[in-house]
């Protein structure tokens, strides 16, 4: 009498998150200064305009910061810039304008890139489910059509999705080996997608859908950022929309 091999399952949302982890490394780099502007008051509270620094402005800043232990002004951390701002604010030759710093948070940028990759593959997997080329189960073990907390995918289907992407699947072998000793669903908490992360990805996906897709969401977010910098008060992405003009050729 032959014994059929038990089908092993993992949480489906692990797959897009694993892909993102493989493709994007999270650096340990702290936020670093990438630009400085003059911040000029416009008369009303919290209203100002930003201007580029002139050569004379740069010389003023250099003279104020000459004695500070800052090795590279264009790679300052927020903590180092706080020292520079304090020195600027009390300098006897302080100009009438303020300084506005622009930092790049490389760590959070990488996390954001991971999130975008994960969302793209969430959509890709859901599309494959709708086409019938991929199968997922809800937590109640009935066929599902969305990647939600508790949604399951067989390890065989997970491997079939990952291998054409040229990604390592050896971690699935490890899960298969551990899970074969007990339940058919691998329960190692290290491989679970935290519910908060899953809810965040779903919220980002819904926000992108509301904006008309990923590219449009990037456009409106960038427009809101620039408007916030120019006006001196928060401007939300929801205040913008994207209009696409088609030519006759299109």
Protein backbone atom coordinates (compact mmCIF):
# COMPACT_ATOMS: atom_id res chain seq x y z
CA UNK A 1 0.00 0.00 0.00
CA UNK A 2 1.59 3.31 -1.09
CA UNK A 3 1.57 6.40 1.08
CA UNK A 4 0.87 9.68 -0.68
CA UNK A 5 3.23 12.52 0.06
CA UNK A 6 1.74 15.24 2.24
CA UNK A 7 1.36 18.65 0.54
CA UNK A 8 3.29 21.34 2.40
CA UNK A 9 2.00 24.91 2.65
CA UNK A 10 3.48 28.26 3.65
CA UNK A 11 1.93 31.68 4.07
CA UNK A 12 1.59 33.05 0.52
CA UNK A 13 2.66 36.58 1.45
CA UNK A 14 6.10 35.22 2.34
CA UNK A 15 6.84 34.90 -1.40
CA UNK A 16 6.66 38.59 -2.47
CA UNK A 17 8.48 39.60 0.70
CA UNK A 18 11.25 37.06 0.12
CA UNK A 19 11.66 38.29 -3.46
CA UNK A 20 12.03 41.86 -2.19
CA UNK A 21 14.61 40.74 0.39
CA UNK A 22 16.63 38.94 -2.28
CA UNK A 23 16.64 41.95 -4.62
CA UNK A 24 17.19 44.85 -2.22
CA UNK A 25 19.67 45.01 0.63
CA UNK A 26 18.90 47.32 3.57
CA UNK A 27 21.98 49.49 4.27
CA UNK A 28 22.97 50.52 7.77
CA UNK A 29 23.74 54.03 6.50
CA UNK A 30 22.11 56.78 8.59
CA UNK A 31 20.28 59.67 6.90
CA UNK A 32 22.85 61.98 5.27
CA UNK A 33 22.75 65.60 4.16
CA UNK A 34 22.49 65.98 0.37
CA UNK A 35 21.49 69.64 -0.05
CA UNK A 36 21.15 72.99 1.71
CA UNK A 37 18.87 75.89 0.81
CA UNK A 38 18.18 79.36 2.03
CA UNK A 39 14.85 79.52 3.83
CA UNK A 40 13.39 83.02 3.43
CA UNK A 41 10.34 84.10 5.43
CA UNK A 42 7.30 85.31 3.49
CA UNK A 43 5.85 87.37 6.34
CA UNK A 44 3.19 84.90 7.50
CA UNK A 45 3.84 82.20 10.12
CA UNK A 46 5.15 78.96 8.58
CA UNK A 47 5.23 80.50 5.09
CA UNK A 48 8.58 80.76 3.34
CA UNK A 49 10.34 80.21 0.05
CA UNK A 50 13.49 78.23 -0.65
CA UNK A 51 16.42 79.49 -2.71
CA UNK A 52 19.72 77.96 -3.74
CA UNK A 53 22.82 79.08 -1.86
CA UNK A 54 25.09 81.50 -3.68
CA UNK A 55 28.88 81.29 -3.46
CA UNK A 56 28.80 84.15 -0.92
CA UNK A 57 26.25 82.24 1.17
CA UNK A 58 28.49 79.17 1.19
CA UNK A 59 31.43 81.28 2.37
CA UNK A 60 29.33 82.62 5.25
CA UNK A 61 28.40 79.09 6.31
CA UNK A 62 32.01 77.93 6.08
CA UNK A 63 33.15 80.78 8.30
CA UNK A 64 30.45 79.98 10.89
CA UNK A 65 31.21 76.26 10.89
CA UNK A 66 35.00 76.50 10.61
CA UNK A 67 35.66 75.29 14.17
CA UNK A 68 33.09 72.50 14.23
CA UNK A 69 34.29 68.84 14.07
CA UNK A 70 32.42 68.08 10.84
CA UNK A 71 34.73 66.19 8.43
CA UNK A 72 32.48 66.33 5.37
CA UNK A 73 29.65 68.86 5.23
CA UNK A 74 27.84 67.03 2.44
CA UNK A 75 27.71 63.79 4.40
CA UNK A 76 26.50 65.21 7.69
CA UNK A 77 24.13 63.19 9.82
CA UNK A 78 21.08 64.93 11.33
CA UNK A 79 22.91 65.00 14.67
CA UNK A 80 25.92 66.75 13.12
CA UNK A 81 23.67 69.19 11.31
CA UNK A 82 21.98 70.04 14.62
CA UNK A 83 25.39 71.33 15.82
CA UNK A 84 25.75 73.37 12.63
CA UNK A 85 22.27 74.85 12.96
CA UNK A 86 22.93 75.82 16.57
CA UNK A 87 26.18 77.53 15.59
CA UNK A 88 24.39 79.28 12.70
CA UNK A 89 21.58 80.54 14.94
CA UNK A 90 23.97 82.20 17.44
CA UNK A 91 26.62 83.42 14.97
CA UNK A 92 27.32 87.19 15.12
CA UNK A 93 27.38 87.31 11.31
CA UNK A 94 24.17 85.29 10.91
CA UNK A 95 22.25 86.42 7.80
CA UNK A 96 18.53 87.20 7.85
CA UNK A 97 17.62 83.93 6.16
CA UNK A 98 17.48 80.48 7.78
CA UNK A 99 18.97 77.23 6.49
CA UNK A 100 16.89 74.33 5.20
CA UNK A 101 18.55 70.93 5.12
CA UNK A 102 17.63 68.07 2.79
CA UNK A 103 18.58 64.58 3.90
CA UNK A 104 18.46 61.22 2.14
CA UNK A 105 17.33 58.36 4.31
CA UNK A 106 18.97 55.49 2.43
CA UNK A 107 17.70 52.86 4.85
CA UNK A 108 14.06 53.88 4.53
CA UNK A 109 14.44 54.33 0.77
CA UNK A 110 15.56 50.70 0.55
CA UNK A 111 12.66 49.62 2.74
CA UNK A 112 10.31 51.54 0.45
CA UNK A 113 11.83 49.87 -2.61
CA UNK A 114 11.34 46.49 -0.97
CA UNK A 115 7.71 47.37 -0.32
CA UNK A 116 7.15 48.37 -3.96
CA UNK A 117 8.68 45.10 -5.18
CA UNK A 118 6.54 43.12 -2.75
CA UNK A 119 3.38 44.92 -3.88
CA UNK A 120 4.19 44.26 -7.56
CA UNK A 121 4.60 40.55 -6.88
CA UNK A 122 1.46 40.49 -4.74
CA UNK A 123 -0.40 41.78 -7.80
CA UNK A 124 1.46 39.39 -10.11
CA UNK A 125 0.56 36.42 -7.94
CA UNK A 126 -3.08 37.50 -7.66
CA UNK A 127 -3.21 37.88 -11.46
CA UNK A 128 -1.78 34.37 -11.82
CA UNK A 129 -4.50 33.10 -9.46
CA UNK A 130 -7.19 34.75 -11.59
CA UNK A 131 -5.69 33.14 -14.72
CA UNK A 132 -5.72 29.76 -13.01
CA UNK A 133 -1.95 29.26 -13.23
CA UNK A 134 -1.42 29.65 -9.45
CA UNK A 135 -3.50 28.30 -6.59
CA UNK A 136 -3.84 29.72 -3.09
CA UNK A 137 -6.03 28.81 -0.12
CA UNK A 138 -7.60 30.96 2.55
CA UNK A 139 -6.92 30.22 6.20
CA UNK A 140 -10.09 28.07 6.06
CA UNK A 141 -8.52 25.95 3.29
CA UNK A 142 -10.90 27.05 0.53
CA UNK A 143 -9.65 28.51 -2.77
CA UNK A 144 -8.73 32.20 -2.42
CA UNK A 145 -8.04 35.03 -4.83
CA UNK A 146 -6.20 37.61 -2.69
CA UNK A 147 -2.95 37.55 -0.72
CA UNK A 148 -4.15 38.32 2.78
CA UNK A 149 -2.92 37.35 6.26
CA UNK A 150 -3.32 33.60 6.60
CA UNK A 151 -3.54 32.91 2.84
CA UNK A 152 -1.60 29.74 1.99
CA UNK A 153 0.32 28.47 -1.02
CA UNK A 154 1.84 25.05 -1.52
CA UNK A 155 5.61 24.88 -1.50
CA UNK A 156 5.45 23.27 -4.95
CA UNK A 157 3.54 26.29 -6.33
CA UNK A 158 5.85 28.69 -4.48
CA UNK A 159 8.87 27.04 -6.08
CA UNK A 160 7.22 27.10 -9.51
CA UNK A 161 6.64 30.85 -9.16
CA UNK A 162 10.19 31.63 -7.94
CA UNK A 163 12.36 29.47 -10.19
CA UNK A 164 11.56 31.29 -13.49
CA UNK A 165 12.67 34.49 -11.75
CA UNK A 166 16.14 33.03 -11.23
CA UNK A 167 15.88 33.31 -7.44
CA UNK A 168 17.25 30.93 -4.82
CA UNK A 169 14.67 28.44 -3.55
CA UNK A 170 16.86 26.47 -1.16
CA UNK A 171 15.09 28.09 1.79
CA UNK A 172 11.94 26.25 0.67
CA UNK A 173 13.82 22.97 0.99
CA UNK A 174 14.66 23.87 4.60
CA UNK A 175 11.03 24.69 5.35
CA UNK A 176 9.93 21.45 3.70
CA UNK A 177 12.37 19.48 5.82
CA UNK A 178 11.23 21.07 9.08
CA UNK A 179 7.54 20.89 8.25
CA UNK A 180 7.63 17.24 7.21
CA UNK A 181 8.02 16.31 10.88
CA UNK A 182 4.59 17.62 11.83
CA UNK A 183 1.79 19.80 10.54
CA UNK A 184 1.43 20.44 6.82
CA UNK A 185 1.69 24.20 7.40
CA UNK A 186 5.10 25.52 8.42
CA UNK A 187 4.69 27.60 11.57
CA UNK A 188 8.19 28.96 12.15
CA UNK A 189 7.50 32.55 13.24
CA UNK A 190 10.69 33.75 11.51
CA UNK A 191 9.11 32.97 8.14
CA UNK A 192 5.75 34.58 8.92
CA UNK A 193 4.89 37.99 7.52
CA UNK A 194 4.05 40.19 10.54
CA UNK A 195 0.38 41.30 10.38
CA UNK A 196 1.42 44.97 10.65
CA UNK A 197 3.69 44.60 7.60
CA UNK A 198 0.91 42.86 5.67
CA UNK A 199 -1.59 45.61 6.55
CA UNK A 200 0.97 48.26 5.53
CA UNK A 201 1.52 46.59 2.16
CA UNK A 202 -2.23 46.32 1.60
CA UNK A 203 -2.67 50.00 2.49
CA UNK A 204 0.11 51.02 0.07
CA UNK A 205 -1.41 48.86 -2.65
CA UNK A 206 -4.83 50.49 -2.11
CA UNK A 207 -3.24 53.96 -2.14
CA UNK A 208 -1.52 53.19 -5.45
CA UNK A 209 -4.77 51.87 -6.92
CA UNK A 210 -6.57 55.06 -5.84
CA UNK A 211 -3.87 57.16 -7.54
CA UNK A 212 -4.23 55.17 -10.76
CA UNK A 213 -1.25 52.84 -10.35
CA UNK A 214 2.31 52.86 -9.07
CA UNK A 215 3.71 55.42 -11.55
CA UNK A 216 0.92 57.90 -10.81
CA UNK A 217 1.35 57.45 -7.06
CA UNK A 218 5.04 58.35 -7.43
CA UNK A 219 4.13 61.45 -9.47
CA UNK A 220 1.57 62.78 -6.98
CA UNK A 221 3.81 62.00 -3.98
CA UNK A 222 6.71 63.91 -5.58
CA UNK A 223 4.39 66.81 -6.44
CA UNK A 224 3.21 66.94 -2.82
CA UNK A 225 6.78 66.88 -1.53
CA UNK A 226 7.82 69.78 -3.77
CA UNK A 227 4.71 71.77 -2.88
CA UNK A 228 5.38 71.24 0.82
CA UNK A 229 8.95 72.51 0.45
CA UNK A 230 7.90 75.53 -1.61
CA UNK A 231 4.96 76.59 0.57
CA UNK A 232 6.35 75.77 3.98
CA UNK A 233 3.35 73.75 5.17
CA UNK A 234 2.24 70.17 4.54
CA UNK A 235 0.53 69.45 1.19
CA UNK A 236 -1.00 65.98 0.89
CA UNK A 237 -0.69 63.75 -2.22
CA UNK A 238 -4.51 63.53 -2.28
CA UNK A 239 -4.54 67.17 -3.46
CA UNK A 240 -2.99 66.17 -6.79
CA UNK A 241 -4.15 64.13 -9.75
CA UNK A 242 -2.41 62.93 -12.92
CA UNK A 243 -3.80 63.81 -16.33
CA UNK A 244 -2.44 61.93 -19.34
CA UNK A 245 -2.66 63.66 -22.70
CA UNK A 246 -2.72 61.40 -25.74
CA UNK A 247 -1.52 62.45 -29.15
CA UNK A 248 -3.28 61.48 -32.36
CA UNK A 249 -0.56 58.89 -32.96
CA UNK A 250 -1.48 57.17 -29.70
